[in-house]
C-alpha atoms as a PDB file:
ATOM      1  CA  MET A   1      -6.445  -6.442 -24.943  1.00  0.00           C
ATOM      2  CA  PRO A   2      -4.826  -3.770 -23.430  1.00  0.00           C
ATOM      3  CA  ILE A   3      -6.868  -0.307 -22.112  1.00  0.00           C
ATOM      4  CA  GLY A   4      -6.303   2.914 -21.719  1.00  0.00           C
ATOM      5  CA  HIS A   5      -7.637   5.535 -19.189  1.00  0.00           C
ATOM      6  CA  GLU A   6     -10.428   7.091 -21.643  1.00  0.00           C
ATOM      7  CA  ALA A   7     -12.075   3.439 -22.460  1.00  0.00           C
ATOM      8  CA  HIS A   8     -13.380   3.581 -19.364  1.00  0.00           C
ATOM      9  CA  LEU A   9     -14.863   6.943 -19.807  1.00  0.00           C
ATOM     10  CA  GLN A  10     -17.341   6.281 -22.415  1.00  0.00           C
ATOM     11  CA  HIS A  11     -20.468   4.152 -21.955  1.00  0.00           C
ATOM     12  CA  ILE A  12     -24.233   4.324 -23.236  1.00  0.00           C
ATOM     13  CA  SER A  13     -25.473   4.526 -19.833  1.00  0.00           C
ATOM     14  CA  LYS A  14     -24.552   7.877 -18.089  1.00  0.00           C
ATOM     15  CA  ARG A  15     -25.896   6.167 -14.757  1.00  0.00           C
ATOM     16  CA  PHE A  16     -22.591   3.291 -15.253  1.00  0.00           C
ATOM     17  CA  ASN A  17     -20.257   6.023 -16.171  1.00  0.00           C
ATOM     18  CA  ASN A  18     -20.906   7.638 -13.007  1.00  0.00           C
ATOM     19  CA  GLU A  19     -20.793   4.451 -10.805  1.00  0.00           C
ATOM     20  CA  LEU A  20     -17.417   3.756 -11.875  1.00  0.00           C
ATOM     21  CA  LYS A  21     -16.306   6.935 -11.625  1.00  0.00           C
ATOM     22  CA  ASN A  22     -17.600   7.039  -7.972  1.00  0.00           C
ATOM     23  CA  LEU A  23     -15.515   3.278  -7.660  1.00  0.00           C
ATOM     24  CA  ARG A  24     -12.318   5.189  -8.783  1.00  0.00           C
ATOM     25  CA  ASP A  25     -12.647   8.450  -6.624  1.00  0.00           C
ATOM     26  CA  HIS A  26     -13.736   6.415  -3.796  1.00  0.00           C
ATOM     27  CA  MET A  27     -10.611   4.251  -3.684  1.00  0.00           C
ATOM     28  CA  LEU A  28      -8.519   7.328  -4.388  1.00  0.00           C
ATOM     29  CA  VAL A  29      -9.862   8.992  -1.163  1.00  0.00           C
ATOM     30  CA  MET A  30      -9.487   5.577   0.614  1.00  0.00           C
ATOM     31  CA  GLY A  31      -5.592   5.786  -1.015  1.00  0.00           C
ATOM     32  CA  GLY A  32      -4.820   9.021   0.108  1.00  0.00           C
ATOM     33  CA  MET A  33      -6.412   8.680   3.915  1.00  0.00           C
ATOM     34  CA  VAL A  34      -4.343   5.371   3.962  1.00  0.00           C
ATOM     35  CA  GLU A  35      -1.063   7.321   2.688  1.00  0.00           C
ATOM     36  CA  LYS A  36      -1.682   9.908   5.514  1.00  0.00           C
ATOM     37  CA  GLN A  37      -1.968   7.012   8.098  1.00  0.00           C
ATOM     38  CA  VAL A  38       1.682   5.709   7.191  1.00  0.00           C
ATOM     39  CA  GLN A  39       3.196   9.344   7.081  1.00  0.00           C
ATOM     40  CA  GLN A  40       1.706  10.051  10.464  1.00  0.00           C
ATOM     41  CA  ALA A  41       2.642   7.010  12.040  1.00  0.00           C
ATOM     42  CA  LEU A  42       6.139   7.445  10.831  1.00  0.00           C
ATOM     43  CA  THR A  43       6.214  10.938  12.119  1.00  0.00           C
ATOM     44  CA  SER A  44       4.898   9.645  15.336  1.00  0.00           C
ATOM     45  CA  LEU A  45       7.783   7.358  15.899  1.00  0.00           C
ATOM     46  CA  LEU A  46      10.319   9.906  14.889  1.00  0.00           C
ATOM     47  CA  THR A  47       9.217  12.846  16.953  1.00  0.00           C
ATOM     48  CA  VAL A  48       7.893  10.480  19.863  1.00  0.00           C
ATOM     49  CA  ASP A  49       4.593  12.019  19.183  1.00  0.00           C
ATOM     50  CA  SER A  50       2.292   9.432  21.658  1.00  0.00           C
ATOM     51  CA  GLU A  51      -1.247  12.105  20.796  1.00  0.00           C
ATOM     52  CA  LEU A  52      -0.278  11.800  16.720  1.00  0.00           C
ATOM     53  CA  ALA A  53       0.143   8.092  17.336  1.00  0.00           C
ATOM     54  CA  SER A  54      -3.151   7.773  18.737  1.00  0.00           C
ATOM     55  CA  ASP A  55      -4.876   9.613  16.210  1.00  0.00           C
ATOM     56  CA  VAL A  56      -3.241   7.221  13.766  1.00  0.00           C
ATOM     57  CA  LYS A  57      -5.324   4.375  15.704  1.00  0.00           C
ATOM     58  CA  SER A  58      -8.496   6.254  15.886  1.00  0.00           C
ATOM     59  CA  ASN A  59      -8.319   7.258  12.190  1.00  0.00           C
ATOM     60  CA  ASP A  60      -7.833   3.097  10.886  1.00  0.00           C
ATOM     61  CA  LYS A  61     -11.653   3.181  11.777  1.00  0.00           C
ATOM     62  CA  GLU A  62     -12.592   5.257   9.018  1.00  0.00           C
ATOM     63  CA  VAL A  63     -10.824   3.696   6.639  1.00  0.00           C
ATOM     64  CA  ASN A  64     -11.825   0.361   7.245  1.00  0.00           C
ATOM     65  CA  LYS A  65     -15.016   1.632   6.934  1.00  0.00           C
ATOM     66  CA  LEU A  66     -14.668   2.939   3.572  1.00  0.00           C
ATOM     67  CA  GLU A  67     -13.347  -0.441   2.680  1.00  0.00           C
ATOM     68  CA  LEU A  68     -16.767  -1.887   3.660  1.00  0.00           C
ATOM     69  CA  ILE A  69     -18.605   1.025   1.689  1.00  0.00           C
ATOM     70  CA  ILE A  70     -16.365   0.487  -1.746  1.00  0.00           C
ATOM     71  CA  ASP A  71     -17.007  -3.229  -1.508  1.00  0.00           C
ATOM     72  CA  GLU A  72     -20.570  -2.813  -1.509  1.00  0.00           C
ATOM     73  CA  GLU A  73     -20.334  -0.298  -4.439  1.00  0.00           C
ATOM     74  CA  CYS A  74     -18.397  -2.564  -6.694  1.00  0.00           C
ATOM     75  CA  THR A  75     -21.146  -5.767  -5.831  1.00  0.00           C
ATOM     76  CA  ASN A  76     -23.565  -3.267  -6.485  1.00  0.00           C
ATOM     77  CA  VAL A  77     -22.085  -2.559  -9.908  1.00  0.00           C
ATOM     78  CA  ILE A  78     -21.299  -5.948 -10.951  1.00  0.00           C
ATOM     79  CA  ALA A  79     -24.522  -7.150  -9.539  1.00  0.00           C
ATOM     80  CA  LEU A  80     -26.616  -4.513 -11.315  1.00  0.00           C
ATOM     81  CA  GLN A  81     -24.884  -3.246 -14.642  1.00  0.00           C
ATOM     82  CA  GLN A  82     -23.008  -6.900 -15.397  1.00  0.00           C
ATOM     83  CA  PRO A  83     -19.842  -5.175 -16.577  1.00  0.00           C
ATOM     84  CA  ALA A  84     -17.784  -6.964 -19.338  1.00  0.00           C
ATOM     85  CA  ALA A  85     -14.220  -7.120 -20.455  1.00  0.00           C
ATOM     86  CA  SER A  86     -11.988  -3.787 -19.286  1.00  0.00           C
ATOM     87  CA  ASP A  87     -15.126  -2.482 -16.988  1.00  0.00           C
ATOM     88  CA  LEU A  88     -15.207  -5.782 -15.066  1.00  0.00           C
ATOM     89  CA  ARG A  89     -11.641  -5.736 -14.563  1.00  0.00           C
ATOM     90  CA  LEU A  90     -12.048  -2.626 -13.284  1.00  0.00           C
ATOM     91  CA  VAL A  91     -14.418  -3.741 -10.880  1.00  0.00           C
ATOM     92  CA  ILE A  92     -12.451  -6.378  -9.870  1.00  0.00           C
ATOM     93  CA  THR A  93      -8.896  -4.561  -9.613  1.00  0.00           C
ATOM     94  CA  ILE A  94     -10.531  -1.948  -7.191  1.00  0.00           C
ATOM     95  CA  THR A  95     -11.951  -4.767  -4.953  1.00  0.00           C
ATOM     96  CA  LYS A  96      -8.197  -6.343  -4.564  1.00  0.00           C
ATOM     97  CA  MET A  97      -7.201  -2.651  -4.252  1.00  0.00           C
ATOM     98  CA  VAL A  98      -9.249  -1.683  -1.639  1.00  0.00           C
ATOM     99  CA  ASN A  99      -8.401  -4.998   0.161  1.00  0.00           C
ATOM    100  CA  ASP A 100      -4.140  -4.200   0.236  1.00  0.00           C
ATOM    101  CA  LEU A 101      -5.024  -0.495   1.403  1.00  0.00           C
ATOM    102  CA  GLU A 102      -7.244  -1.627   4.287  1.00  0.00           C
ATOM    103  CA  ARG A 103      -3.655  -3.942   4.893  1.00  0.00           C
ATOM    104  CA  ILE A 104      -1.470  -1.006   4.553  1.00  0.00           C
ATOM    105  CA  GLY A 105      -3.463   1.282   7.187  1.00  0.00           C
ATOM    106  CA  ASP A 106      -3.372  -1.890   9.679  1.00  0.00           C
ATOM    107  CA  GLU A 107       0.578  -1.623   9.533  1.00  0.00           C
ATOM    108  CA  ALA A 108       0.208   2.214  10.016  1.00  0.00           C
ATOM    109  CA  LYS A 109      -1.756   0.989  13.334  1.00  0.00           C
ATOM    110  CA  LYS A 110       0.790  -1.401  14.302  1.00  0.00           C
ATOM    111  CA  ILE A 111       3.583   1.093  13.906  1.00  0.00           C
ATOM    112  CA  ALA A 112       1.442   3.538  16.108  1.00  0.00           C
ATOM    113  CA  LYS A 113       1.164   1.091  18.716  1.00  0.00           C
ATOM    114  CA  SER A 114       5.081   0.665  18.981  1.00  0.00           C
ATOM    115  CA  THR A 115       5.413   4.307  19.230  1.00  0.00           C
ATOM    116  CA  LEU A 116       3.112   4.244  22.114  1.00  0.00           C
ATOM    117  CA  GLN A 117       5.030   1.142  23.947  1.00  0.00           C
ATOM    118  CA  LEU A 118       8.551   3.232  23.346  1.00  0.00           C
ATOM    119  CA  SER A 119       6.821   6.436  24.752  1.00  0.00           C
ATOM    120  CA  ASP A 120       5.666   4.996  27.447  1.00  0.00           C
ATOM    121  CA  HIS A 121       8.915   2.897  28.672  1.00  0.00           C
ATOM    122  CA  GLY A 122      10.794   6.630  28.045  1.00  0.00           C
ATOM    123  CA  LEU A 123      13.185   4.935  25.362  1.00  0.00           C
ATOM    124  CA  ALA A 124      15.823   5.976  22.582  1.00  0.00           C
ATOM    125  CA  PRO A 125      15.759   3.043  20.414  1.00  0.00           C
ATOM    126  CA  LEU A 126      18.696   2.446  18.083  1.00  0.00           C
ATOM    127  CA  GLY A 127      17.590   1.892  14.277  1.00  0.00           C
ATOM    128  CA  LEU A 128      15.661   5.130  13.871  1.00  0.00           C
ATOM    129  CA  ALA A 129      17.894   5.601  11.001  1.00  0.00           C
ATOM    130  CA  GLU A 130      16.806   2.537   9.365  1.00  0.00           C
ATOM    131  CA  VAL A 131      13.208   3.472   9.743  1.00  0.00           C
ATOM    132  CA  ARG A 132      13.521   6.938   8.593  1.00  0.00           C
ATOM    133  CA  VAL A 133      14.937   5.385   5.011  1.00  0.00           C
ATOM    134  CA  ILE A 134      12.644   2.596   4.283  1.00  0.00           C
ATOM    135  CA  GLY A 135       9.820   4.482   5.542  1.00  0.00           C
ATOM    136  CA  ASN A 136      10.373   7.101   2.908  1.00  0.00           C
ATOM    137  CA  HIS A 137      11.321   4.272   0.407  1.00  0.00           C
ATOM    138  CA  VAL A 138       7.935   2.706   0.967  1.00  0.00           C
ATOM    139  CA  ARG A 139       5.645   5.799   1.085  1.00  0.00           C
ATOM    140  CA  LYS A 140       6.976   6.631  -2.762  1.00  0.00           C
ATOM    141  CA  MET A 141       6.238   3.079  -3.449  1.00  0.00           C
ATOM    142  CA  LEU A 142       2.416   4.031  -1.814  1.00  0.00           C
ATOM    143  CA  ASN A 143       2.603   7.193  -3.907  1.00  0.00           C
ATOM    144  CA  ASP A 144       3.616   5.875  -7.272  1.00  0.00           C
ATOM    145  CA  SER A 145       0.945   3.195  -7.063  1.00  0.00           C
ATOM    146  CA  LEU A 146      -2.160   5.695  -6.670  1.00  0.00           C
ATOM    147  CA  ASP A 147      -0.514   7.435  -9.322  1.00  0.00           C
ATOM    148  CA  ALA A 148      -0.504   4.558 -11.711  1.00  0.00           C
ATOM    149  CA  PHE A 149      -3.691   3.708 -10.989  1.00  0.00           C
ATOM    150  CA  THR A 150      -5.115   6.855 -11.807  1.00  0.00           C
ATOM    151  CA  ARG A 151      -2.965   7.119 -15.041  1.00  0.00           C
ATOM    152  CA  PHE A 152      -3.617   3.392 -16.185  1.00  0.00           C
ATOM    153  CA  ASP A 153       0.477   3.824 -15.949  1.00  0.00           C
ATOM    154  CA  THR A 154       1.794   0.342 -16.394  1.00  0.00           C
ATOM    155  CA  ALA A 155       5.326   1.206 -17.043  1.00  0.00           C
ATOM    156  CA  LEU A 156       5.483   2.985 -13.362  1.00  0.00           C
ATOM    157  CA  ALA A 157       3.635  -0.030 -11.920  1.00  0.00           C
ATOM    158  CA  TYR A 158       6.660  -2.030 -12.924  1.00  0.00           C
ATOM    159  CA  GLU A 159       9.185   0.192 -11.549  1.00  0.00           C
ATOM    160  CA  VAL A 160       7.336   0.478  -8.408  1.00  0.00           C
ATOM    161  CA  ILE A 161       7.542  -3.579  -8.611  1.00  0.00           C
ATOM    162  CA  LYS A 162      11.094  -3.657  -9.076  1.00  0.00           C
ATOM    163  CA  GLU A 163      11.200  -1.418  -6.107  1.00  0.00           C
ATOM    164  CA  ASP A 164       9.893  -4.028  -3.618  1.00  0.00           C
ATOM    165  CA  GLU A 165      13.210  -6.164  -3.770  1.00  0.00           C
ATOM    166  CA  ASP A 166      15.137  -2.729  -2.827  1.00  0.00           C
ATOM    167  CA  VAL A 167      13.150  -2.383   0.004  1.00  0.00           C
ATOM    168  CA  ASP A 168      13.617  -6.147   0.841  1.00  0.00           C
ATOM    169  CA  ALA A 169      17.188  -5.831   0.659  1.00  0.00           C
ATOM    170  CA  GLU A 170      17.188  -2.855   2.829  1.00  0.00           C
ATOM    171  CA  TYR A 171      15.210  -4.531   5.490  1.00  0.00           C
ATOM    172  CA  ARG A 172      17.279  -7.664   6.147  1.00  0.00           C
ATOM    173  CA  SER A 173      20.205  -5.207   6.203  1.00  0.00           C
ATOM    174  CA  ALA A 174      18.886  -3.220   8.825  1.00  0.00           C
ATOM    175  CA  MET A 175      17.228  -6.389  10.792  1.00  0.00           C
ATOM    176  CA  ARG A 176      20.961  -7.905  10.798  1.00  0.00           C
ATOM    177  CA  ALA A 177      22.336  -4.718  12.249  1.00  0.00           C
ATOM    178  CA  LEU A 178      19.499  -4.805  15.316  1.00  0.00           C
ATOM    179  CA  VAL A 179      20.213  -8.014  16.110  1.00  0.00           C
ATOM    180  CA  THR A 180      24.014  -7.387  16.213  1.00  0.00           C
ATOM    181  CA  ASN A 181      23.162  -4.435  18.470  1.00  0.00           C
ATOM    182  CA  MET A 182      20.958  -6.819  20.861  1.00  0.00           C
ATOM    183  CA  MET A 183      23.694  -8.983  21.066  1.00  0.00           C
ATOM    184  CA  GLU A 184      26.305  -6.351  22.073  1.00  0.00           C
ATOM    185  CA  ASP A 185      24.090  -5.024  24.978  1.00  0.00           C
ATOM    186  CA  ALA A 186      21.088  -6.538  26.573  1.00  0.00           C
ATOM    187  CA  ARG A 187      19.732  -3.165  27.482  1.00  0.00           C
ATOM    188  CA  ASN A 188      18.975  -2.862  24.397  1.00  0.00           C
ATOM    189  CA  ILE A 189      16.641  -5.759  23.473  1.00  0.00           C
ATOM    190  CA  SER A 190      13.048  -4.251  24.268  1.00  0.00           C
ATOM    191  CA  SER A 191      13.374  -1.085  22.216  1.00  0.00           C
ATOM    192  CA  ILE A 192      15.118  -2.911  19.216  1.00  0.00           C
ATOM    193  CA  LEU A 193      12.122  -5.626  19.239  1.00  0.00           C
ATOM    194  CA  GLN A 194       9.915  -2.556  18.879  1.00  0.00           C
ATOM    195  CA  ILE A 195      11.710  -0.988  16.038  1.00  0.00           C
ATOM    196  CA  MET A 196      12.287  -4.533  14.371  1.00  0.00           C
ATOM    197  CA  TRP A 197       8.066  -4.858  14.220  1.00  0.00           C
ATOM    198  CA  VAL A 198       8.106  -1.417  12.967  1.00  0.00           C
ATOM    199  CA  LEU A 199      10.544  -2.378  10.046  1.00  0.00           C
ATOM    200  CA  ARG A 200       8.634  -5.182   9.387  1.00  0.00           C
ATOM    201  CA  SER A 201       5.324  -3.404   8.954  1.00  0.00           C
ATOM    202  CA  LEU A 202       7.616  -0.983   6.856  1.00  0.00           C
ATOM    203  CA  GLU A 203       8.385  -3.950   5.170  1.00  0.00           C
ATOM    204  CA  ARG A 204       4.412  -5.350   4.331  1.00  0.00           C
ATOM    205  CA  VAL A 205       3.671  -2.036   2.709  1.00  0.00           C
ATOM    206  CA  GLY A 206       6.400  -2.197   0.433  1.00  0.00           C
ATOM    207  CA  ASP A 207       4.697  -5.481  -0.562  1.00  0.00           C
ATOM    208  CA  HIS A 208       1.364  -4.255  -0.522  1.00  0.00           C
ATOM    209  CA  SER A 209       2.443  -1.498  -2.836  1.00  0.00           C
ATOM    210  CA  ARG A 210       4.119  -4.323  -5.078  1.00  0.00           C
ATOM    211  CA  ASN A 211       0.426  -5.967  -4.926  1.00  0.00           C
ATOM    212  CA  LEU A 212      -1.326  -2.923  -5.364  1.00  0.00           C
ATOM    213  CA  CYS A 213       0.695  -2.377  -9.070  1.00  0.00           C
ATOM    214  CA  GLN A 214       0.376  -6.173  -9.984  1.00  0.00           C
ATOM    215  CA  HIS A 215      -3.633  -5.304  -9.967  1.00  0.00           C
ATOM    216  CA  ILE A 216      -3.115  -2.287 -12.228  1.00  0.00           C
ATOM    217  CA  ILE A 217      -1.084  -4.082 -14.362  1.00  0.00           C
ATOM    218  CA  TYR A 218      -4.110  -6.929 -14.662  1.00  0.00           C
ATOM    219  CA  MET A 219      -6.451  -4.278 -14.846  1.00  0.00           C
ATOM    220  CA  VAL A 220      -4.870  -2.568 -18.010  1.00  0.00           C
ATOM    221  CA  GLU A 221      -2.943  -5.458 -19.901  1.00  0.00           C
ATOM    222  CA  GLY A 222      -5.735  -8.228 -18.887  1.00  0.00           C
ATOM    223  CA  ARG A 223      -2.807 -10.281 -17.459  1.00  0.00           C
ATOM    224  CA  ASP A 224      -2.084 -11.747 -13.918  1.00  0.00           C
ATOM    225  CA  VAL A 225       1.402 -11.144 -13.127  1.00  0.00           C
ATOM    226  CA  ARG A 226       1.078 -11.877  -9.196  1.00  0.00           C
ATOM    227  CA  HIS A 227       3.530 -15.223  -9.607  1.00  0.00           C
ATOM    228  CA  SER A 228       5.595 -13.735 -12.610  1.00  0.00           C
ATOM    229  CA  SER A 229       9.270 -12.919 -12.237  1.00  0.00           C
ATOM    230  CA  LEU A 230      10.251  -9.494 -12.737  1.00  0.00           C
ATOM    231  CA  LYS A 231      10.877 -10.284 -16.464  1.00  0.00           C
ATOM    232  CA  GLU A 232       7.358 -11.965 -17.127  1.00  0.00           C
ATOM    233  CA  THR A 233       5.999  -8.773 -16.088  1.00  0.00           C
ATOM    234  CA  GLU A 234       7.938  -6.571 -18.005  1.00  0.00           C
ATOM    235  CA  GLU A 235       6.978  -8.776 -21.107  1.00  0.00           C
ATOM    236  CA  VAL A 236       3.207  -8.394 -20.108  1.00  0.00           C
ATOM    237  CA  ILE A 237       3.411  -4.471 -20.293  1.00  0.00           C
ATOM    238  CA  HIS A 238       5.648  -4.280 -23.442  1.00  0.00           C
ATOM    239  CA  HIS A 239       3.620  -6.947 -25.111  1.00  0.00           C
ATOM    240  CA  ASN A 240       6.142  -9.514 -25.947  1.00  0.00           C
ATOM    241  CA  PRO A 241       4.866 -12.871 -26.741  1.00  0.00           C
END
């Protein structure tokens, strides 16, 4: 049975209510931290701000710590409260989402490393326009994913899943253009390779945002859509057989 946001708010045990609320809140705090990481990583690259890039790398440790805390909280809820049905799906979903959020933080850290590489060599790379476009696209996907979780909004989650195909197309187009630039002028190879790694990281942020939304659909609908087509996923959220 599909569930709504209110389904997780009422339990006989006040302690259970509080534990579930803390889980949701901590997951959203982690989501906010990761959103900030991605934004700062992009800003550091586009403005060649090595100090900001170093901050992104340092902040990744805090994201990793929070992942461990949330994992332990989920384990304790399962062991002590033995949640069933929709509550169990909520806890399982949070364990999966924090893993994807941690991976997004790792991609932000990789972007920051590329910024430092480019800064050290004083390079003005090609491809920054593509980075800006794809970066804005995946940042919106991540933000919408967290909004979908907050509102138990499967329609918004589905829209994010669809957006991932557009990001993949933008990524392939950008990579083709950069390969052409490398072939035309070998002097650009070093800087373009760094931008390629950045674009790969951004594409992965889109993938993980898609994963977040697939987990959300499982949480609400009780159906695993990770290996489903867009059409099959749409049928799930509209409750078609």
